[in-house]
All heavy atoms as atom14 arrays in JSON, in Angstrom:
{
  "sequence": "TYKNLLHVMVADGCNLPPRYTHNNLHNIALPNRLNNYGDSPRSIGVIY",
  "atom14_mask": [
    [1, 1, 1, 1, 1, 1, 1, 0, 0, 0, 0, 0, 0, 0],
    [1, 1, 1, 1, 1, 1, 1, 1, 1, 1, 1, 1, 0, 0],
    [1, 1, 1, 1, 1, 1, 1, 1, 1, 0, 0, 0, 0, 0],
    [1, 1, 1, 1, 1, 1, 1, 1, 0, 0, 0, 0, 0, 0],
    [1, 1, 1, 1, 1, 1, 1, 1, 0, 0, 0, 0, 0, 0],
    [1, 1, 1, 1, 1, 1, 1, 1, 0, 0, 0, 0, 0, 0],
    [1, 1, 1, 1, 1, 1, 1, 1, 1, 1, 0, 0, 0, 0],
    [1, 1, 1, 1, 1, 1, 1, 0, 0, 0, 0, 0, 0, 0],
    [1, 1, 1, 1, 1, 1, 1, 1, 0, 0, 0, 0, 0, 0],
    [1, 1, 1, 1, 1, 1, 1, 0, 0, 0, 0, 0, 0, 0],
    [1, 1, 1, 1, 1, 0, 0, 0, 0, 0, 0, 0, 0, 0],
    [1, 1, 1, 1, 1, 1, 1, 1, 0, 0, 0, 0, 0, 0],
    [1, 1, 1, 1, 0, 0, 0, 0, 0, 0, 0, 0, 0, 0],
    [1, 1, 1, 1, 1, 1, 0, 0, 0, 0, 0, 0, 0, 0],
    [1, 1, 1, 1, 1, 1, 1, 1, 0, 0, 0, 0, 0, 0],
    [1, 1, 1, 1, 1, 1, 1, 1, 0, 0, 0, 0, 0, 0],
    [1, 1, 1, 1, 1, 1, 1, 0, 0, 0, 0, 0, 0, 0],
    [1, 1, 1, 1, 1, 1, 1, 0, 0, 0, 0, 0, 0, 0],
    [1, 1, 1, 1, 1, 1, 1, 1, 1, 1, 1, 0, 0, 0],
    [1, 1, 1, 1, 1, 1, 1, 1, 1, 1, 1, 1, 0, 0],
    [1, 1, 1, 1, 1, 1, 1, 0, 0, 0, 0, 0, 0, 0],
    [1, 1, 1, 1, 1, 1, 1, 1, 1, 1, 0, 0, 0, 0],
    [1, 1, 1, 1, 1, 1, 1, 1, 0, 0, 0, 0, 0, 0],
    [1, 1, 1, 1, 1, 1, 1, 1, 0, 0, 0, 0, 0, 0],
    [1, 1, 1, 1, 1, 1, 1, 1, 0, 0, 0, 0, 0, 0],
    [1, 1, 1, 1, 1, 1, 1, 1, 1, 1, 0, 0, 0, 0],
    [1, 1, 1, 1, 1, 1, 1, 1, 0, 0, 0, 0, 0, 0],
    [1, 1, 1, 1, 1, 1, 1, 1, 0, 0, 0, 0, 0, 0],
    [1, 1, 1, 1, 1, 0, 0, 0, 0, 0, 0, 0, 0, 0],
    [1, 1, 1, 1, 1, 1, 1, 1, 0, 0, 0, 0, 0, 0],
    [1, 1, 1, 1, 1, 1, 1, 0, 0, 0, 0, 0, 0, 0],
    [1, 1, 1, 1, 1, 1, 1, 1, 0, 0, 0, 0, 0, 0],
    [1, 1, 1, 1, 1, 1, 1, 1, 1, 1, 1, 0, 0, 0],
    [1, 1, 1, 1, 1, 1, 1, 1, 0, 0, 0, 0, 0, 0],
    [1, 1, 1, 1, 1, 1, 1, 1, 0, 0, 0, 0, 0, 0],
    [1, 1, 1, 1, 1, 1, 1, 1, 0, 0, 0, 0, 0, 0],
    [1, 1, 1, 1, 1, 1, 1, 1, 1, 1, 1, 1, 0, 0],
    [1, 1, 1, 1, 0, 0, 0, 0, 0, 0, 0, 0, 0, 0],
    [1, 1, 1, 1, 1, 1, 1, 1, 0, 0, 0, 0, 0, 0],
    [1, 1, 1, 1, 1, 1, 0, 0, 0, 0, 0, 0, 0, 0],
    [1, 1, 1, 1, 1, 1, 1, 0, 0, 0, 0, 0, 0, 0],
    [1, 1, 1, 1, 1, 1, 1, 1, 1, 1, 1, 0, 0, 0],
    [1, 1, 1, 1, 1, 1, 0, 0, 0, 0, 0, 0, 0, 0],
    [1, 1, 1, 1, 1, 1, 1, 1, 0, 0, 0, 0, 0, 0],
    [1, 1, 1, 1, 0, 0, 0, 0, 0, 0, 0, 0, 0, 0],
    [1, 1, 1, 1, 1, 1, 1, 0, 0, 0, 0, 0, 0, 0],
    [1, 1, 1, 1, 1, 1, 1, 1, 0, 0, 0, 0, 0, 0],
    [1, 1, 1, 1, 1, 1, 1, 1, 1, 1, 1, 1, 0, 0]
  ],
  "atom14_positions": [
    [[103.35, 96.27, 106.47], [102.78, 97.1, 107.53], [103.54, 98.41, 107.68], [103.0, 99.38, 108.16], [102.8, 96.35, 108.92], [104.13, 95.9, 109.19], [101.86, 95.15, 108.88], [0.0, 0.0, 0.0], [0.0, 0.0, 0.0], [0.0, 0.0, 0.0], [0.0, 0.0, 0.0], [0.0, 0.0, 0.0], [0.0, 0.0, 0.0], [0.0, 0.0, 0.0]],
    [[104.8, 98.42, 107.28], [105.63, 99.63, 107.26], [105.31, 100.37, 105.96], [105.52, 99.78, 104.89], [107.08, 99.3, 107.36], [108.0, 100.46, 107.61], [108.1, 100.99, 108.88], [108.67, 101.1, 106.57], [108.91, 102.1, 109.16], [109.47, 102.19, 106.82], [109.59, 102.69, 108.1], [110.36, 103.78, 108.33], [0.0, 0.0, 0.0], [0.0, 0.0, 0.0]],
    [[104.83, 101.55, 106.02], [104.32, 102.21, 104.8], [105.28, 103.24, 104.21], [105.04, 103.69, 103.09], [102.98, 102.92, 105.11], [101.89, 101.9, 105.5], [101.68, 100.91, 104.42], [100.56, 99.96, 104.77], [100.45, 98.84, 103.82], [0.0, 0.0, 0.0], [0.0, 0.0, 0.0], [0.0, 0.0, 0.0], [0.0, 0.0, 0.0], [0.0, 0.0, 0.0]],
    [[106.36, 103.64, 104.87], [107.25, 104.66, 104.32], [108.28, 103.96, 103.44], [109.5, 103.95, 103.75], [107.88, 105.48, 105.46], [108.58, 106.73, 104.91], [108.36, 107.12, 103.8], [109.39, 107.33, 105.74], [0.0, 0.0, 0.0], [0.0, 0.0, 0.0], [0.0, 0.0, 0.0], [0.0, 0.0, 0.0], [0.0, 0.0, 0.0], [0.0, 0.0, 0.0]],
    [[107.82, 103.36, 102.37], [108.72, 102.65, 101.52], [108.33, 102.78, 100.05], [107.24, 103.17, 99.71], [108.87, 101.19, 101.93], [107.66, 100.27, 101.92], [107.34, 99.7, 100.58], [107.92, 99.12, 102.86], [0.0, 0.0, 0.0], [0.0, 0.0, 0.0], [0.0, 0.0, 0.0], [0.0, 0.0, 0.0], [0.0, 0.0, 0.0], [0.0, 0.0, 0.0]],
    [[109.29, 102.47, 99.21], [109.02, 102.39, 97.77], [109.69, 101.13, 97.28], [110.58, 100.56, 97.89], [109.55, 103.62, 97.03], [111.04, 103.95, 97.1], [111.77, 103.45, 95.89], [111.18, 105.47, 97.2], [0.0, 0.0, 0.0], [0.0, 0.0, 0.0], [0.0, 0.0, 0.0], [0.0, 0.0, 0.0], [0.0, 0.0, 0.0], [0.0, 0.0, 0.0]],
    [[109.21, 100.65, 96.16], [109.69, 99.44, 95.52], [110.42, 99.79, 94.21], [109.84, 100.35, 93.35], [108.5, 98.47, 95.24], [108.89, 97.08, 94.95], [107.91, 96.08, 94.76], [110.07, 96.48, 94.9], [108.56, 94.93, 94.53], [109.84, 95.16, 94.61], [0.0, 0.0, 0.0], [0.0, 0.0, 0.0], [0.0, 0.0, 0.0], [0.0, 0.0, 0.0]],
    [[111.7, 99.47, 94.15], [112.46, 99.71, 92.95], [112.77, 98.37, 92.27], [113.46, 97.53, 92.86], [113.81, 100.42, 93.28], [114.65, 100.59, 92.0], [113.58, 101.73, 93.98], [0.0, 0.0, 0.0], [0.0, 0.0, 0.0], [0.0, 0.0, 0.0], [0.0, 0.0, 0.0], [0.0, 0.0, 0.0], [0.0, 0.0, 0.0], [0.0, 0.0, 0.0]],
    [[112.19, 98.23, 91.12], [112.4, 96.97, 90.35], [113.29, 97.28, 89.16], [113.11, 98.3, 88.49], [111.08, 96.39, 89.91], [110.21, 96.01, 91.08], [108.73, 95.08, 90.61], [109.44, 93.58, 90.07], [0.0, 0.0, 0.0], [0.0, 0.0, 0.0], [0.0, 0.0, 0.0], [0.0, 0.0, 0.0], [0.0, 0.0, 0.0], [0.0, 0.0, 0.0]],
    [[114.3, 96.45, 88.95], [115.24, 96.64, 87.84], [115.23, 95.41, 86.99], [115.59, 94.32, 87.4], [116.68, 96.96, 88.38], [117.59, 97.24, 87.18], [116.66, 98.08, 89.37], [0.0, 0.0, 0.0], [0.0, 0.0, 0.0], [0.0, 0.0, 0.0], [0.0, 0.0, 0.0], [0.0, 0.0, 0.0], [0.0, 0.0, 0.0], [0.0, 0.0, 0.0]],
    [[114.82, 95.6, 85.76], [114.67, 94.53, 84.77], [115.99, 94.26, 84.04], [116.64, 95.18, 83.57], [113.62, 94.88, 83.75], [0.0, 0.0, 0.0], [0.0, 0.0, 0.0], [0.0, 0.0, 0.0], [0.0, 0.0, 0.0], [0.0, 0.0, 0.0], [0.0, 0.0, 0.0], [0.0, 0.0, 0.0], [0.0, 0.0, 0.0], [0.0, 0.0, 0.0]],
    [[116.36, 93.02, 84.0], [117.58, 92.6, 83.31], [117.2, 92.11, 81.91], [117.0, 90.92, 81.66], [118.22, 91.5, 84.12], [119.69, 91.2, 83.68], [120.21, 91.96, 82.81], [120.27, 90.24, 84.17], [0.0, 0.0, 0.0], [0.0, 0.0, 0.0], [0.0, 0.0, 0.0], [0.0, 0.0, 0.0], [0.0, 0.0, 0.0], [0.0, 0.0, 0.0]],
    [[117.01, 93.08, 81.0], [116.73, 92.74, 79.59], [115.29, 92.43, 79.27], [115.02, 91.79, 78.27], [0.0, 0.0, 0.0], [0.0, 0.0, 0.0], [0.0, 0.0, 0.0], [0.0, 0.0, 0.0], [0.0, 0.0, 0.0], [0.0, 0.0, 0.0], [0.0, 0.0, 0.0], [0.0, 0.0, 0.0], [0.0, 0.0, 0.0], [0.0, 0.0, 0.0]],
    [[114.38, 92.85, 80.09], [112.96, 92.75, 79.79], [112.24, 93.95, 80.37], [112.87, 94.91, 80.73], [112.38, 91.43, 80.38], [112.43, 91.33, 82.19], [0.0, 0.0, 0.0], [0.0, 0.0, 0.0], [0.0, 0.0, 0.0], [0.0, 0.0, 0.0], [0.0, 0.0, 0.0], [0.0, 0.0, 0.0], [0.0, 0.0, 0.0], [0.0, 0.0, 0.0]],
    [[110.92, 93.93, 80.39], [110.21, 95.06, 80.95], [108.96, 94.59, 81.71], [108.4, 93.54, 81.37], [109.78, 96.05, 79.87], [109.58, 97.45, 80.43], [109.54, 97.66, 81.64], [109.42, 98.43, 79.59], [0.0, 0.0, 0.0], [0.0, 0.0, 0.0], [0.0, 0.0, 0.0], [0.0, 0.0, 0.0], [0.0, 0.0, 0.0], [0.0, 0.0, 0.0]],
    [[108.6, 95.32, 82.74], [107.5, 94.96, 83.62], [106.18, 95.23, 82.87], [105.94, 96.34, 82.43], [107.58, 95.77, 84.87], [106.67, 95.37, 86.04], [107.08, 94.01, 86.56], [106.81, 96.38, 87.16], [0.0, 0.0, 0.0], [0.0, 0.0, 0.0], [0.0, 0.0, 0.0], [0.0, 0.0, 0.0], [0.0, 0.0, 0.0], [0.0, 0.0, 0.0]],
    [[105.28, 94.26, 82.8], [103.99, 94.51, 82.21], [103.21, 95.54, 83.02], [103.32, 95.59, 84.24], [103.3, 93.13, 82.31], [104.4, 92.13, 82.39], [105.48, 92.85, 83.17], [0.0, 0.0, 0.0], [0.0, 0.0, 0.0], [0.0, 0.0, 0.0], [0.0, 0.0, 0.0], [0.0, 0.0, 0.0], [0.0, 0.0, 0.0], [0.0, 0.0, 0.0]],
    [[102.45, 96.38, 82.33], [101.74, 97.48, 83.01], [100.81, 97.03, 84.12], [100.56, 97.75, 85.08], [100.93, 98.14, 81.87], [101.66, 97.77, 80.59], [102.29, 96.43, 80.86], [0.0, 0.0, 0.0], [0.0, 0.0, 0.0], [0.0, 0.0, 0.0], [0.0, 0.0, 0.0], [0.0, 0.0, 0.0], [0.0, 0.0, 0.0], [0.0, 0.0, 0.0]],
    [[100.31, 95.82, 84.05], [99.37, 95.35, 85.09], [100.0, 95.28, 86.46], [99.3, 95.21, 87.47], [98.81, 93.95, 84.69], [99.81, 92.82, 84.77], [99.14, 91.5, 84.32], [100.12, 90.4, 84.33], [100.9, 90.08, 83.28], [100.86, 90.75, 82.19], [101.72, 89.05, 83.41], [0.0, 0.0, 0.0], [0.0, 0.0, 0.0], [0.0, 0.0, 0.0]],
    [[101.33, 95.27, 86.54], [102.03, 95.18, 87.83], [102.33, 96.54, 88.46], [102.75, 96.62, 89.59], [103.35, 94.42, 87.66], [103.19, 92.97, 87.37], [103.88, 92.4, 86.31], [102.38, 92.19, 88.15], [103.74, 91.07, 86.02], [102.25, 90.8, 87.87], [102.94, 90.25, 86.79], [102.81, 88.92, 86.52], [0.0, 0.0, 0.0], [0.0, 0.0, 0.0]],
    [[102.22, 97.58, 87.71], [102.63, 98.9, 88.23], [101.66, 99.48, 89.28], [100.47, 99.18, 89.24], [102.81, 99.91, 87.08], [101.57, 100.09, 86.42], [103.84, 99.43, 86.06], [0.0, 0.0, 0.0], [0.0, 0.0, 0.0], [0.0, 0.0, 0.0], [0.0, 0.0, 0.0], [0.0, 0.0, 0.0], [0.0, 0.0, 0.0], [0.0, 0.0, 0.0]],
    [[102.2, 100.22, 90.17], [101.38, 100.96, 91.15], [102.22, 102.19, 91.59], [103.33, 102.4, 91.18], [101.03, 100.05, 92.35], [102.18, 99.51, 93.09], [102.88, 100.22, 94.04], [102.83, 98.33, 92.97], [103.88, 99.51, 94.53], [103.87, 98.33, 93.88], [0.0, 0.0, 0.0], [0.0, 0.0, 0.0], [0.0, 0.0, 0.0], [0.0, 0.0, 0.0]],
    [[101.64, 103.07, 92.42], [102.19, 104.35, 92.75], [103.59, 104.31, 93.39], [104.4, 105.19, 93.18], [101.24, 105.15, 93.65], [100.03, 105.61, 92.91], [100.05, 105.68, 91.69], [98.99, 105.96, 93.63], [0.0, 0.0, 0.0], [0.0, 0.0, 0.0], [0.0, 0.0, 0.0], [0.0, 0.0, 0.0], [0.0, 0.0, 0.0], [0.0, 0.0, 0.0]],
    [[103.84, 103.33, 94.24], [105.12, 103.26, 94.96], [106.15, 102.34, 94.26], [107.15, 102.05, 94.83], [104.93, 102.8, 96.38], [104.25, 103.86, 97.19], [104.38, 105.07, 96.94], [103.49, 103.45, 98.18], [0.0, 0.0, 0.0], [0.0, 0.0, 0.0], [0.0, 0.0, 0.0], [0.0, 0.0, 0.0], [0.0, 0.0, 0.0], [0.0, 0.0, 0.0]],
    [[105.86, 101.95, 93.03], [106.79, 101.05, 92.3], [107.51, 101.88, 91.25], [106.9, 102.53, 90.4], [106.04, 99.93, 91.66], [106.86, 98.84, 91.02], [106.21, 97.5, 91.21], [107.18, 99.07, 89.61], [0.0, 0.0, 0.0], [0.0, 0.0, 0.0], [0.0, 0.0, 0.0], [0.0, 0.0, 0.0], [0.0, 0.0, 0.0], [0.0, 0.0, 0.0]],
    [[108.83, 101.85, 91.3], [109.67, 102.47, 90.26], [110.3, 101.32, 89.48], [110.96, 100.45, 90.04], [110.78, 103.3, 90.93], [110.27, 104.42, 91.74], [110.61, 105.73, 91.49], [109.42, 104.45, 92.79], [110.0, 106.52, 92.36], [109.28, 105.8, 93.14], [0.0, 0.0, 0.0], [0.0, 0.0, 0.0], [0.0, 0.0, 0.0], [0.0, 0.0, 0.0]],
    [[110.11, 101.34, 88.18], [110.68, 100.27, 87.31], [111.75, 100.85, 86.43], [111.57, 101.88, 85.76], [109.56, 99.67, 86.47], [110.11, 98.52, 85.65], [110.6, 97.55, 86.18], [109.99, 98.64, 84.35], [0.0, 0.0, 0.0], [0.0, 0.0, 0.0], [0.0, 0.0, 0.0], [0.0, 0.0, 0.0], [0.0, 0.0, 0.0], [0.0, 0.0, 0.0]],
    [[112.91, 100.23, 86.47], [114.03, 100.58, 85.58], [114.27, 99.36, 84.67], [114.56, 98.24, 85.17], [115.31, 100.9, 86.38], [115.05, 102.05, 87.35], [116.49, 101.19, 85.46], [116.15, 102.18, 88.4], [0.0, 0.0, 0.0], [0.0, 0.0, 0.0], [0.0, 0.0, 0.0], [0.0, 0.0, 0.0], [0.0, 0.0, 0.0], [0.0, 0.0, 0.0]],
    [[114.17, 99.61, 83.4], [114.3, 98.49, 82.43], [115.68, 98.61, 81.71], [115.89, 99.57, 80.97], [113.2, 98.48, 81.42], [0.0, 0.0, 0.0], [0.0, 0.0, 0.0], [0.0, 0.0, 0.0], [0.0, 0.0, 0.0], [0.0, 0.0, 0.0], [0.0, 0.0, 0.0], [0.0, 0.0, 0.0], [0.0, 0.0, 0.0], [0.0, 0.0, 0.0]],
    [[116.57, 97.7, 82.0], [117.84, 97.68, 81.3], [117.59, 97.0, 79.95], [116.97, 95.94, 79.85], [118.87, 96.87, 82.05], [119.13, 97.39, 83.48], [120.14, 96.5, 84.17], [119.62, 98.81, 83.47], [0.0, 0.0, 0.0], [0.0, 0.0, 0.0], [0.0, 0.0, 0.0], [0.0, 0.0, 0.0], [0.0, 0.0, 0.0], [0.0, 0.0, 0.0]],
    [[118.06, 97.64, 78.81], [117.7, 97.13, 77.5], [118.42, 95.83, 77.14], [117.88, 95.06, 76.28], [118.21, 98.24, 76.6], [119.26, 98.93, 77.33], [118.87, 98.83, 78.82], [0.0, 0.0, 0.0], [0.0, 0.0, 0.0], [0.0, 0.0, 0.0], [0.0, 0.0, 0.0], [0.0, 0.0, 0.0], [0.0, 0.0, 0.0], [0.0, 0.0, 0.0]],
    [[119.53, 95.51, 77.76], [120.28, 94.3, 77.45], [120.39, 93.42, 78.66], [120.64, 93.93, 79.74], [121.65, 94.6, 76.9], [121.57, 95.45, 75.63], [120.91, 95.09, 74.69], [122.26, 96.58, 75.67], [0.0, 0.0, 0.0], [0.0, 0.0, 0.0], [0.0, 0.0, 0.0], [0.0, 0.0, 0.0], [0.0, 0.0, 0.0], [0.0, 0.0, 0.0]],
    [[120.25, 92.14, 78.46], [120.42, 91.2, 79.6], [121.9, 91.07, 79.96], [122.74, 90.77, 79.13], [119.81, 89.87, 79.21], [119.71, 88.96, 80.41], [118.55, 88.01, 80.24], [118.47, 87.22, 81.42], [117.83, 86.12, 81.47], [117.16, 85.68, 80.43], [117.77, 85.43, 82.58], [0.0, 0.0, 0.0], [0.0, 0.0, 0.0], [0.0, 0.0, 0.0]],
    [[122.21, 91.29, 81.26], [123.58, 91.22, 81.72], [123.95, 89.85, 82.24], [125.13, 89.53, 82.32], [123.75, 92.26, 82.8], [123.49, 93.69, 82.34], [123.55, 94.69, 83.5], [124.42, 94.11, 81.25], [0.0, 0.0, 0.0], [0.0, 0.0, 0.0], [0.0, 0.0, 0.0], [0.0, 0.0, 0.0], [0.0, 0.0, 0.0], [0.0, 0.0, 0.0]],
    [[122.99, 89.07, 82.64], [123.22, 87.66, 83.04], [124.26, 87.53, 84.18], [125.11, 86.64, 84.14], [123.63, 86.82, 81.87], [122.49, 86.53, 80.93], [121.36, 86.25, 81.36], [122.77, 86.59, 79.65], [0.0, 0.0, 0.0], [0.0, 0.0, 0.0], [0.0, 0.0, 0.0], [0.0, 0.0, 0.0], [0.0, 0.0, 0.0], [0.0, 0.0, 0.0]],
    [[124.2, 88.4, 85.17], [125.13, 88.25, 86.28], [124.34, 88.07, 87.62], [124.71, 88.61, 88.61], [126.13, 89.37, 86.35], [125.49, 90.73, 86.6], [124.27, 90.86, 86.68], [126.3, 91.77, 86.69], [0.0, 0.0, 0.0], [0.0, 0.0, 0.0], [0.0, 0.0, 0.0], [0.0, 0.0, 0.0], [0.0, 0.0, 0.0], [0.0, 0.0, 0.0]],
    [[123.31, 87.28, 87.53], [122.53, 86.88, 88.7], [121.86, 88.06, 89.42], [121.64, 87.97, 90.61], [123.38, 86.03, 89.65], [124.04, 84.87, 88.99], [125.37, 84.95, 88.64], [123.3, 83.77, 88.65], [125.96, 83.86, 87.97], [123.9, 82.66, 88.01], [125.24, 82.71, 87.67], [125.82, 81.69, 87.05], [0.0, 0.0, 0.0], [0.0, 0.0, 0.0]],
    [[121.64, 89.09, 88.7], [120.97, 90.25, 89.32], [121.89, 91.22, 90.01], [121.45, 92.21, 90.62], [0.0, 0.0, 0.0], [0.0, 0.0, 0.0], [0.0, 0.0, 0.0], [0.0, 0.0, 0.0], [0.0, 0.0, 0.0], [0.0, 0.0, 0.0], [0.0, 0.0, 0.0], [0.0, 0.0, 0.0], [0.0, 0.0, 0.0], [0.0, 0.0, 0.0]],
    [[123.17, 90.99, 90.03], [124.12, 91.83, 90.76], [124.12, 93.27, 90.2], [124.05, 94.24, 90.99], [125.54, 91.27, 90.72], [125.67, 89.97, 91.47], [124.79, 89.69, 92.33], [126.66, 89.24, 91.29], [0.0, 0.0, 0.0], [0.0, 0.0, 0.0], [0.0, 0.0, 0.0], [0.0, 0.0, 0.0], [0.0, 0.0, 0.0], [0.0, 0.0, 0.0]],
    [[124.2, 93.46, 88.9], [124.17, 94.81, 88.28], [122.81, 95.47, 88.53], [122.76, 96.61, 88.96], [124.51, 94.76, 86.82], [125.84, 94.41, 86.68], [0.0, 0.0, 0.0], [0.0, 0.0, 0.0], [0.0, 0.0, 0.0], [0.0, 0.0, 0.0], [0.0, 0.0, 0.0], [0.0, 0.0, 0.0], [0.0, 0.0, 0.0], [0.0, 0.0, 0.0]],
    [[121.72, 94.79, 88.29], [120.41, 95.39, 88.56], [120.24, 95.78, 90.06], [119.72, 96.89, 90.37], [119.38, 94.32, 88.19], [120.08, 93.55, 87.09], [121.5, 93.52, 87.54], [0.0, 0.0, 0.0], [0.0, 0.0, 0.0], [0.0, 0.0, 0.0], [0.0, 0.0, 0.0], [0.0, 0.0, 0.0], [0.0, 0.0, 0.0], [0.0, 0.0, 0.0]],
    [[120.74, 94.99, 90.99], [120.68, 95.38, 92.4], [121.45, 96.66, 92.66], [120.98, 97.55, 93.31], [121.22, 94.22, 93.29], [120.32, 93.2, 93.62], [120.94, 92.16, 94.59], [120.23, 90.91, 94.48], [120.52, 89.92, 93.65], [121.54, 90.01, 92.88], [119.77, 88.84, 93.62], [0.0, 0.0, 0.0], [0.0, 0.0, 0.0], [0.0, 0.0, 0.0]],
    [[122.66, 96.73, 92.07], [123.51, 97.91, 92.28], [122.86, 99.15, 91.71], [122.86, 100.22, 92.31], [124.86, 97.66, 91.62], [125.53, 96.59, 92.18], [0.0, 0.0, 0.0], [0.0, 0.0, 0.0], [0.0, 0.0, 0.0], [0.0, 0.0, 0.0], [0.0, 0.0, 0.0], [0.0, 0.0, 0.0], [0.0, 0.0, 0.0], [0.0, 0.0, 0.0]],
    [[122.3, 99.04, 90.52], [121.63, 100.17, 89.88], [120.42, 100.61, 90.72], [120.18, 101.8, 90.93], [121.22, 99.81, 88.46], [122.47, 99.69, 87.57], [120.23, 100.82, 87.87], [122.27, 99.01, 86.23], [0.0, 0.0, 0.0], [0.0, 0.0, 0.0], [0.0, 0.0, 0.0], [0.0, 0.0, 0.0], [0.0, 0.0, 0.0], [0.0, 0.0, 0.0]],
    [[119.64, 99.64, 91.23], [118.52, 99.93, 92.09], [118.92, 100.67, 93.36], [118.26, 101.62, 93.77], [0.0, 0.0, 0.0], [0.0, 0.0, 0.0], [0.0, 0.0, 0.0], [0.0, 0.0, 0.0], [0.0, 0.0, 0.0], [0.0, 0.0, 0.0], [0.0, 0.0, 0.0], [0.0, 0.0, 0.0], [0.0, 0.0, 0.0], [0.0, 0.0, 0.0]],
    [[120.01, 100.29, 93.98], [120.49, 100.91, 95.19], [120.92, 102.35, 94.91], [120.51, 103.31, 95.63], [121.71, 100.13, 95.8], [122.38, 100.93, 96.87], [121.2, 98.79, 96.39], [0.0, 0.0, 0.0], [0.0, 0.0, 0.0], [0.0, 0.0, 0.0], [0.0, 0.0, 0.0], [0.0, 0.0, 0.0], [0.0, 0.0, 0.0], [0.0, 0.0, 0.0]],
    [[121.69, 102.57, 93.86], [122.09, 103.95, 93.47], [120.89, 104.81, 93.22], [120.8, 105.97, 93.69], [123.07, 103.91, 92.29], [124.39, 103.24, 92.7], [123.3, 105.32, 91.73], [125.27, 102.86, 91.55], [0.0, 0.0, 0.0], [0.0, 0.0, 0.0], [0.0, 0.0, 0.0], [0.0, 0.0, 0.0], [0.0, 0.0, 0.0], [0.0, 0.0, 0.0]],
    [[119.96, 104.29, 92.48], [118.7, 105.04, 92.18], [117.95, 105.38, 93.46], [117.51, 106.52, 93.62], [117.85, 104.18, 91.24], [116.5, 104.82, 90.87], [116.4, 105.72, 89.9], [115.39, 104.4, 91.55], [115.18, 106.3, 89.57], [114.16, 104.96, 91.27], [114.05, 105.89, 90.26], [112.83, 106.47, 89.94], [0.0, 0.0, 0.0], [0.0, 0.0, 0.0]]
  ]
}
């Protein structure tokens, strides 16, 4: 219901299929899997 937002998705060694993309979604695909429970992807998403 809150519309002033964007969605930042950060992939840990994979990529988001195009069927999921939309205007407010930003996808960052890390080329290598870091395997640290999403901690690095979360941090990268916050900085971005």
